[in-house]
N, C-alpha and C. Protein backbone atom coordinates (compact mmCIF):
# COMPACT_ATOMS: atom_id res chain seq x y z
N MET A 1 -21.47 23.54 6.58
CA MET A 1 -20.06 23.27 6.78
C MET A 1 -19.27 23.76 5.57
N ILE A 2 -18.14 24.34 5.87
CA ILE A 2 -17.25 24.84 4.82
C ILE A 2 -15.83 24.43 5.18
N VAL A 3 -15.09 23.95 4.19
CA VAL A 3 -13.69 23.62 4.41
C VAL A 3 -12.90 24.93 4.41
N ASN A 4 -12.30 25.23 5.53
CA ASN A 4 -11.52 26.44 5.67
C ASN A 4 -10.12 26.26 5.06
N MET A 5 -9.51 25.12 5.37
CA MET A 5 -8.16 24.84 4.87
C MET A 5 -7.97 23.33 4.77
N LEU A 6 -7.33 22.92 3.69
CA LEU A 6 -6.96 21.52 3.51
C LEU A 6 -5.58 21.50 2.87
N LYS A 7 -4.58 21.24 3.70
CA LYS A 7 -3.20 21.16 3.22
C LYS A 7 -2.65 19.81 3.65
N PRO A 8 -2.03 19.11 2.74
CA PRO A 8 -1.43 17.83 3.13
C PRO A 8 -0.20 18.07 3.99
N TYR A 9 -0.02 17.21 4.97
CA TYR A 9 1.22 17.25 5.74
C TYR A 9 2.34 16.74 4.84
N TYR A 10 2.03 15.66 4.14
CA TYR A 10 2.86 15.23 3.03
C TYR A 10 2.05 14.28 2.16
N ILE A 11 2.56 14.01 0.98
CA ILE A 11 1.87 13.17 0.01
C ILE A 11 2.77 12.02 -0.35
N LYS A 12 2.19 10.84 -0.37
CA LYS A 12 2.94 9.64 -0.77
C LYS A 12 2.17 8.99 -1.90
N ALA A 13 2.85 8.73 -2.98
CA ALA A 13 2.19 8.12 -4.14
C ALA A 13 2.91 6.84 -4.53
N ASP A 14 2.12 5.84 -4.90
CA ASP A 14 2.68 4.62 -5.47
C ASP A 14 2.01 4.42 -6.82
N ASN A 15 2.17 3.25 -7.41
CA ASN A 15 1.62 3.02 -8.74
C ASN A 15 0.10 3.11 -8.78
N ASN A 16 -0.56 2.78 -7.69
CA ASN A 16 -2.02 2.70 -7.68
C ASN A 16 -2.73 3.82 -6.94
N HIS A 17 -2.11 4.36 -5.89
CA HIS A 17 -2.80 5.30 -5.01
C HIS A 17 -1.97 6.54 -4.70
N VAL A 18 -2.69 7.61 -4.37
CA VAL A 18 -2.09 8.81 -3.82
C VAL A 18 -2.62 8.91 -2.39
N ARG A 19 -1.71 8.98 -1.44
CA ARG A 19 -2.10 9.09 -0.02
C ARG A 19 -1.77 10.49 0.47
N ILE A 20 -2.80 11.22 0.89
CA ILE A 20 -2.63 12.55 1.44
C ILE A 20 -2.63 12.40 2.95
N ILE A 21 -1.47 12.59 3.56
CA ILE A 21 -1.33 12.43 5.00
C ILE A 21 -1.66 13.77 5.66
N LEU A 22 -2.54 13.71 6.65
CA LEU A 22 -3.01 14.91 7.33
C LEU A 22 -2.35 15.06 8.69
N ALA A 23 -2.25 16.29 9.14
CA ALA A 23 -1.69 16.56 10.46
C ALA A 23 -2.46 17.70 11.11
N TYR A 24 -2.32 17.79 12.41
CA TYR A 24 -2.98 18.81 13.20
C TYR A 24 -2.73 20.20 12.63
N ARG A 25 -3.77 21.00 12.53
CA ARG A 25 -3.73 22.39 12.05
C ARG A 25 -3.51 22.53 10.55
N TYR A 26 -3.47 21.45 9.80
CA TYR A 26 -3.33 21.54 8.35
C TYR A 26 -4.69 21.36 7.66
N PHE A 27 -5.71 21.08 8.44
CA PHE A 27 -7.04 20.81 7.90
C PHE A 27 -8.03 21.39 8.90
N SER A 28 -8.87 22.31 8.43
CA SER A 28 -9.86 22.90 9.32
C SER A 28 -11.17 23.13 8.59
N ILE A 29 -12.25 23.13 9.37
CA ILE A 29 -13.60 23.25 8.83
C ILE A 29 -14.38 24.26 9.66
N LEU A 30 -15.20 25.05 8.97
CA LEU A 30 -16.12 25.94 9.66
C LEU A 30 -17.45 25.22 9.80
N ILE A 31 -17.89 25.04 11.03
CA ILE A 31 -19.19 24.43 11.32
C ILE A 31 -19.98 25.45 12.11
N ASN A 32 -21.09 25.92 11.55
CA ASN A 32 -21.91 26.97 12.17
C ASN A 32 -21.05 28.18 12.55
N ASN A 33 -20.21 28.60 11.63
CA ASN A 33 -19.30 29.75 11.81
C ASN A 33 -18.30 29.57 12.95
N GLN A 34 -18.06 28.34 13.37
CA GLN A 34 -17.07 28.03 14.39
C GLN A 34 -15.94 27.24 13.72
N LEU A 35 -14.69 27.62 13.97
CA LEU A 35 -13.55 26.96 13.34
C LEU A 35 -13.13 25.73 14.13
N TYR A 36 -13.14 24.58 13.47
CA TYR A 36 -12.72 23.32 14.07
C TYR A 36 -11.48 22.85 13.33
N HIS A 37 -10.47 22.41 14.08
CA HIS A 37 -9.23 21.92 13.50
C HIS A 37 -9.18 20.40 13.56
N TYR A 38 -8.65 19.83 12.51
CA TYR A 38 -8.46 18.38 12.44
C TYR A 38 -7.51 17.94 13.56
N VAL A 39 -7.86 16.83 14.20
CA VAL A 39 -6.96 16.20 15.17
C VAL A 39 -6.81 14.73 14.77
N PRO A 40 -5.60 14.22 14.80
CA PRO A 40 -5.34 12.85 14.30
C PRO A 40 -5.71 11.75 15.30
N SER A 41 -6.93 11.78 15.81
CA SER A 41 -7.33 10.73 16.75
C SER A 41 -8.02 9.56 16.05
N GLU A 42 -8.50 9.79 14.85
CA GLU A 42 -9.14 8.72 14.06
C GLU A 42 -8.30 8.55 12.79
N ALA A 43 -8.92 8.72 11.63
CA ALA A 43 -8.20 8.57 10.35
C ALA A 43 -7.19 9.70 10.19
N ASN A 44 -6.10 9.39 9.48
CA ASN A 44 -5.08 10.42 9.27
C ASN A 44 -4.66 10.55 7.81
N GLU A 45 -5.43 9.94 6.91
CA GLU A 45 -5.07 10.06 5.50
C GLU A 45 -6.29 9.99 4.61
N ILE A 46 -6.11 10.55 3.41
CA ILE A 46 -7.10 10.45 2.35
C ILE A 46 -6.41 9.65 1.26
N LYS A 47 -7.04 8.57 0.84
CA LYS A 47 -6.42 7.69 -0.15
C LYS A 47 -7.22 7.75 -1.45
N VAL A 48 -6.54 8.10 -2.55
CA VAL A 48 -7.20 8.29 -3.84
C VAL A 48 -6.59 7.33 -4.86
N ASN A 49 -7.45 6.67 -5.61
CA ASN A 49 -7.01 5.76 -6.67
C ASN A 49 -6.53 6.62 -7.85
N ARG A 50 -5.31 6.37 -8.32
CA ARG A 50 -4.74 7.18 -9.39
C ARG A 50 -5.43 6.95 -10.73
N GLU A 51 -5.92 5.75 -10.98
CA GLU A 51 -6.57 5.44 -12.25
C GLU A 51 -7.99 5.99 -12.31
N THR A 52 -8.79 5.67 -11.30
CA THR A 52 -10.21 6.04 -11.31
C THR A 52 -10.47 7.42 -10.72
N LYS A 53 -9.48 7.97 -10.00
CA LYS A 53 -9.58 9.27 -9.34
C LYS A 53 -10.65 9.27 -8.24
N GLU A 54 -10.95 8.11 -7.72
CA GLU A 54 -11.95 7.99 -6.66
C GLU A 54 -11.26 7.87 -5.30
N ILE A 55 -11.93 8.38 -4.29
CA ILE A 55 -11.43 8.25 -2.93
C ILE A 55 -11.70 6.82 -2.49
N VAL A 56 -10.68 6.15 -1.99
CA VAL A 56 -10.76 4.73 -1.65
C VAL A 56 -11.27 4.51 -0.23
N ASN A 57 -10.80 5.29 0.70
CA ASN A 57 -11.12 5.06 2.12
C ASN A 57 -12.39 5.81 2.55
N LEU A 58 -13.51 5.41 1.97
CA LEU A 58 -14.79 6.06 2.27
C LEU A 58 -15.26 5.81 3.70
N GLU A 59 -14.75 4.77 4.34
CA GLU A 59 -15.15 4.45 5.71
C GLU A 59 -14.38 5.27 6.75
N ALA A 60 -13.40 6.05 6.32
CA ALA A 60 -12.58 6.84 7.24
C ALA A 60 -13.42 7.85 8.00
N LYS A 61 -13.03 8.06 9.26
CA LYS A 61 -13.73 8.99 10.15
C LYS A 61 -12.70 9.98 10.68
N PHE A 62 -12.97 11.26 10.50
CA PHE A 62 -12.03 12.30 10.88
C PHE A 62 -12.57 13.09 12.07
N ALA A 63 -11.68 13.45 12.98
CA ALA A 63 -12.06 14.20 14.17
C ALA A 63 -11.62 15.66 14.01
N PHE A 64 -12.51 16.57 14.41
CA PHE A 64 -12.24 18.00 14.38
C PHE A 64 -12.54 18.56 15.76
N GLN A 65 -11.66 19.42 16.24
CA GLN A 65 -11.78 19.89 17.61
C GLN A 65 -11.78 21.42 17.68
N LYS A 66 -12.62 21.92 18.57
CA LYS A 66 -12.62 23.35 18.94
C LYS A 66 -12.73 23.37 20.46
N GLY A 67 -11.66 23.69 21.11
CA GLY A 67 -11.64 23.62 22.57
C GLY A 67 -11.82 22.18 23.02
N LYS A 68 -12.82 21.94 23.85
CA LYS A 68 -13.09 20.57 24.31
C LYS A 68 -14.14 19.87 23.45
N ASP A 69 -14.72 20.60 22.51
CA ASP A 69 -15.75 20.05 21.63
C ASP A 69 -15.10 19.32 20.45
N ILE A 70 -15.47 18.07 20.26
CA ILE A 70 -14.94 17.27 19.14
C ILE A 70 -16.10 16.83 18.27
N VAL A 71 -15.95 17.04 16.95
CA VAL A 71 -16.95 16.64 15.97
C VAL A 71 -16.31 15.61 15.06
N TYR A 72 -17.02 14.53 14.78
CA TYR A 72 -16.52 13.48 13.90
C TYR A 72 -17.27 13.55 12.57
N LEU A 73 -16.49 13.54 11.49
CA LEU A 73 -17.08 13.55 10.15
C LEU A 73 -16.52 12.37 9.37
N THR A 74 -17.39 11.69 8.67
CA THR A 74 -16.94 10.58 7.83
C THR A 74 -16.50 11.11 6.48
N MET A 75 -15.76 10.29 5.77
CA MET A 75 -15.32 10.68 4.43
C MET A 75 -16.54 10.94 3.55
N THR A 76 -17.59 10.15 3.72
CA THR A 76 -18.81 10.33 2.94
C THR A 76 -19.40 11.72 3.17
N GLU A 77 -19.38 12.19 4.42
CA GLU A 77 -19.86 13.53 4.71
C GLU A 77 -18.95 14.59 4.10
N LEU A 78 -17.65 14.36 4.17
CA LEU A 78 -16.70 15.34 3.63
C LEU A 78 -16.82 15.46 2.11
N ILE A 79 -17.01 14.35 1.42
CA ILE A 79 -17.09 14.44 -0.04
C ILE A 79 -18.40 15.06 -0.52
N SER A 80 -19.32 15.26 0.39
CA SER A 80 -20.55 15.97 0.01
C SER A 80 -20.33 17.48 0.02
N LEU A 81 -19.16 17.93 0.50
CA LEU A 81 -18.83 19.35 0.54
C LEU A 81 -18.04 19.73 -0.71
N PRO A 82 -18.59 20.60 -1.55
CA PRO A 82 -17.86 21.00 -2.77
C PRO A 82 -16.48 21.56 -2.48
N ASP A 83 -16.34 22.35 -1.40
CA ASP A 83 -15.02 22.92 -1.05
C ASP A 83 -13.98 21.83 -0.85
N PHE A 84 -14.38 20.76 -0.19
CA PHE A 84 -13.46 19.65 0.08
C PHE A 84 -12.99 19.02 -1.22
N LEU A 85 -13.94 18.73 -2.11
CA LEU A 85 -13.58 18.09 -3.38
C LEU A 85 -12.70 18.98 -4.25
N ILE A 86 -12.99 20.26 -4.25
CA ILE A 86 -12.20 21.19 -5.06
C ILE A 86 -10.76 21.26 -4.53
N GLN A 87 -10.62 21.44 -3.23
CA GLN A 87 -9.27 21.52 -2.66
C GLN A 87 -8.52 20.21 -2.83
N LEU A 88 -9.21 19.10 -2.66
CA LEU A 88 -8.58 17.79 -2.83
C LEU A 88 -8.13 17.60 -4.27
N TYR A 89 -8.96 18.02 -5.21
CA TYR A 89 -8.61 17.90 -6.62
C TYR A 89 -7.29 18.62 -6.92
N PHE A 90 -7.15 19.85 -6.43
CA PHE A 90 -5.94 20.61 -6.71
C PHE A 90 -4.70 20.01 -6.03
N ILE A 91 -4.91 19.31 -4.94
CA ILE A 91 -3.79 18.66 -4.27
C ILE A 91 -3.29 17.47 -5.07
N VAL A 92 -4.21 16.66 -5.61
CA VAL A 92 -3.80 15.41 -6.25
C VAL A 92 -3.78 15.44 -7.77
N GLU A 93 -4.20 16.53 -8.40
CA GLU A 93 -4.31 16.55 -9.85
C GLU A 93 -3.00 16.20 -10.57
N SER A 94 -1.89 16.65 -10.05
CA SER A 94 -0.61 16.37 -10.71
C SER A 94 -0.24 14.89 -10.64
N TYR A 95 -0.86 14.16 -9.74
CA TYR A 95 -0.58 12.73 -9.61
C TYR A 95 -1.44 11.90 -10.55
N TYR A 96 -2.49 12.51 -11.12
CA TYR A 96 -3.37 11.79 -12.04
C TYR A 96 -2.72 11.64 -13.41
N ALA A 97 -2.31 12.75 -13.96
CA ALA A 97 -1.78 12.75 -15.32
C ALA A 97 -0.43 12.05 -15.34
N GLN A 98 -0.36 11.02 -16.14
CA GLN A 98 0.89 10.28 -16.23
C GLN A 98 1.10 9.87 -17.67
N THR A 99 2.18 10.34 -18.26
CA THR A 99 2.47 10.02 -19.65
C THR A 99 3.08 8.63 -19.75
N GLU A 100 3.16 8.13 -20.95
CA GLU A 100 3.79 6.82 -21.17
C GLU A 100 5.26 6.85 -20.75
N MET A 101 5.91 7.99 -20.95
CA MET A 101 7.32 8.12 -20.54
C MET A 101 7.43 7.98 -19.02
N ASP A 102 6.51 8.60 -18.29
CA ASP A 102 6.51 8.48 -16.83
C ASP A 102 6.35 7.03 -16.41
N LYS A 103 5.46 6.31 -17.08
CA LYS A 103 5.22 4.91 -16.73
C LYS A 103 6.47 4.07 -16.97
N LYS A 104 7.21 4.36 -18.03
CA LYS A 104 8.44 3.62 -18.31
C LYS A 104 9.49 3.93 -17.24
N GLU A 105 9.57 5.19 -16.84
CA GLU A 105 10.55 5.60 -15.83
C GLU A 105 10.24 5.00 -14.46
N GLU A 106 8.95 4.77 -14.17
CA GLU A 106 8.56 4.23 -12.86
C GLU A 106 9.24 2.90 -12.57
N GLY A 107 9.40 2.07 -13.58
CA GLY A 107 9.98 0.76 -13.38
C GLY A 107 11.50 0.77 -13.34
N ASN A 108 12.11 1.88 -13.67
CA ASN A 108 13.55 2.03 -13.69
C ASN A 108 14.08 2.03 -12.25
N PRO A 109 14.98 1.10 -11.91
CA PRO A 109 15.50 1.02 -10.54
C PRO A 109 16.17 2.31 -10.06
N GLU A 110 16.85 3.01 -10.97
CA GLU A 110 17.50 4.27 -10.58
C GLU A 110 16.46 5.31 -10.20
N THR A 111 15.38 5.38 -10.98
CA THR A 111 14.31 6.34 -10.70
C THR A 111 13.65 6.01 -9.37
N ILE A 112 13.39 4.75 -9.13
CA ILE A 112 12.77 4.32 -7.88
C ILE A 112 13.65 4.70 -6.70
N ALA A 113 14.95 4.48 -6.82
CA ALA A 113 15.88 4.81 -5.74
C ALA A 113 15.91 6.31 -5.48
N ILE A 114 15.88 7.11 -6.54
CA ILE A 114 15.88 8.57 -6.39
C ILE A 114 14.60 9.04 -5.69
N ILE A 115 13.47 8.51 -6.11
CA ILE A 115 12.19 8.90 -5.51
C ILE A 115 12.16 8.51 -4.04
N GLU A 116 12.62 7.31 -3.72
CA GLU A 116 12.63 6.87 -2.32
C GLU A 116 13.52 7.76 -1.48
N GLU A 117 14.67 8.15 -2.02
CA GLU A 117 15.57 9.03 -1.27
C GLU A 117 14.95 10.42 -1.08
N LEU A 118 14.29 10.94 -2.10
CA LEU A 118 13.63 12.24 -1.98
C LEU A 118 12.51 12.19 -0.92
N GLU A 119 11.76 11.10 -0.90
CA GLU A 119 10.71 10.94 0.11
C GLU A 119 11.31 10.87 1.50
N ARG A 120 12.41 10.17 1.63
CA ARG A 120 13.09 10.05 2.93
C ARG A 120 13.61 11.42 3.39
N GLN A 121 14.19 12.18 2.48
CA GLN A 121 14.67 13.52 2.82
C GLN A 121 13.51 14.43 3.22
N ASN A 122 12.37 14.28 2.54
CA ASN A 122 11.19 15.07 2.86
C ASN A 122 10.72 14.77 4.28
N ILE A 123 10.68 13.50 4.64
CA ILE A 123 10.28 13.12 6.00
C ILE A 123 11.25 13.69 7.02
N LYS A 124 12.54 13.63 6.71
CA LYS A 124 13.55 14.18 7.63
C LYS A 124 13.35 15.68 7.84
N ARG A 125 12.99 16.39 6.76
CA ARG A 125 12.73 17.84 6.90
C ARG A 125 11.53 18.09 7.82
N PHE A 126 10.50 17.25 7.67
CA PHE A 126 9.33 17.41 8.52
C PHE A 126 9.67 17.06 9.98
N ILE A 127 10.54 16.08 10.18
CA ILE A 127 10.98 15.75 11.53
C ILE A 127 11.74 16.93 12.13
N ASP A 128 12.63 17.53 11.34
CA ASP A 128 13.36 18.71 11.81
C ASP A 128 12.40 19.84 12.19
N LYS A 129 11.39 20.03 11.37
CA LYS A 129 10.40 21.08 11.66
C LYS A 129 9.67 20.77 12.97
N ALA A 130 9.29 19.51 13.15
CA ALA A 130 8.60 19.12 14.39
C ALA A 130 9.50 19.35 15.60
N LEU A 131 10.77 19.04 15.45
CA LEU A 131 11.72 19.28 16.55
C LEU A 131 11.85 20.77 16.84
N ASP A 132 11.96 21.58 15.78
CA ASP A 132 12.06 23.03 15.97
C ASP A 132 10.85 23.59 16.70
N GLU A 133 9.68 23.03 16.38
CA GLU A 133 8.43 23.51 16.98
C GLU A 133 8.10 22.78 18.29
N LYS A 134 9.00 21.87 18.70
CA LYS A 134 8.80 21.07 19.92
C LYS A 134 7.45 20.34 19.90
N ASP A 135 7.14 19.79 18.72
CA ASP A 135 5.89 19.06 18.50
C ASP A 135 6.18 17.56 18.61
N ALA A 136 6.11 17.04 19.83
CA ALA A 136 6.47 15.65 20.10
C ALA A 136 5.55 14.67 19.38
N GLU A 137 4.28 14.97 19.34
CA GLU A 137 3.31 14.06 18.71
C GLU A 137 3.64 13.87 17.23
N THR A 138 3.86 14.97 16.52
CA THR A 138 4.19 14.89 15.10
C THR A 138 5.53 14.18 14.92
N PHE A 139 6.49 14.50 15.76
CA PHE A 139 7.80 13.87 15.69
C PHE A 139 7.66 12.34 15.76
N HIS A 140 6.94 11.85 16.76
CA HIS A 140 6.80 10.40 16.95
C HIS A 140 6.05 9.76 15.78
N GLU A 141 5.08 10.47 15.23
CA GLU A 141 4.33 9.95 14.09
C GLU A 141 5.25 9.83 12.86
N LEU A 142 6.09 10.82 12.63
CA LEU A 142 6.97 10.82 11.46
C LEU A 142 8.09 9.80 11.56
N VAL A 143 8.61 9.59 12.74
CA VAL A 143 9.72 8.65 12.92
C VAL A 143 9.31 7.25 12.45
N LYS A 144 8.04 6.94 12.53
CA LYS A 144 7.55 5.64 12.08
C LYS A 144 7.81 5.41 10.59
N TYR A 145 7.90 6.49 9.83
CA TYR A 145 8.05 6.38 8.37
C TYR A 145 9.50 6.22 7.92
N LEU A 146 10.43 6.33 8.85
CA LEU A 146 11.85 6.17 8.46
C LEU A 146 12.26 4.71 8.43
């Protein structure tokens, strides 16, 4: 198995965790030279502890589909793939490093309000994209976050 592509649909970070939210066609794996795309029928996120840099949701089960064939892989199976760990590292690395100045700013109400508004605007952009692409499933999933 080889990870063909791993792109977050979006990333949400809090003081303790980084959550990489996955969506259809943003995550794909080659299994026996056959391309399988992630489908959000089981787990839909990868949760990483910001302090320890460990994946928290090891019990998560991800579904990958090629035509009518569906393969389920657990997080434990995915983390055994070097490609997966490397791509995941590059996605979340900027969320690991946090200076003392960043930590002081985190508690600032103005900073919190700005971050929340930026996250809200980001979700709205993804909703607009889903509407443009007539992707009802993604649209309904994103509306939950508003």
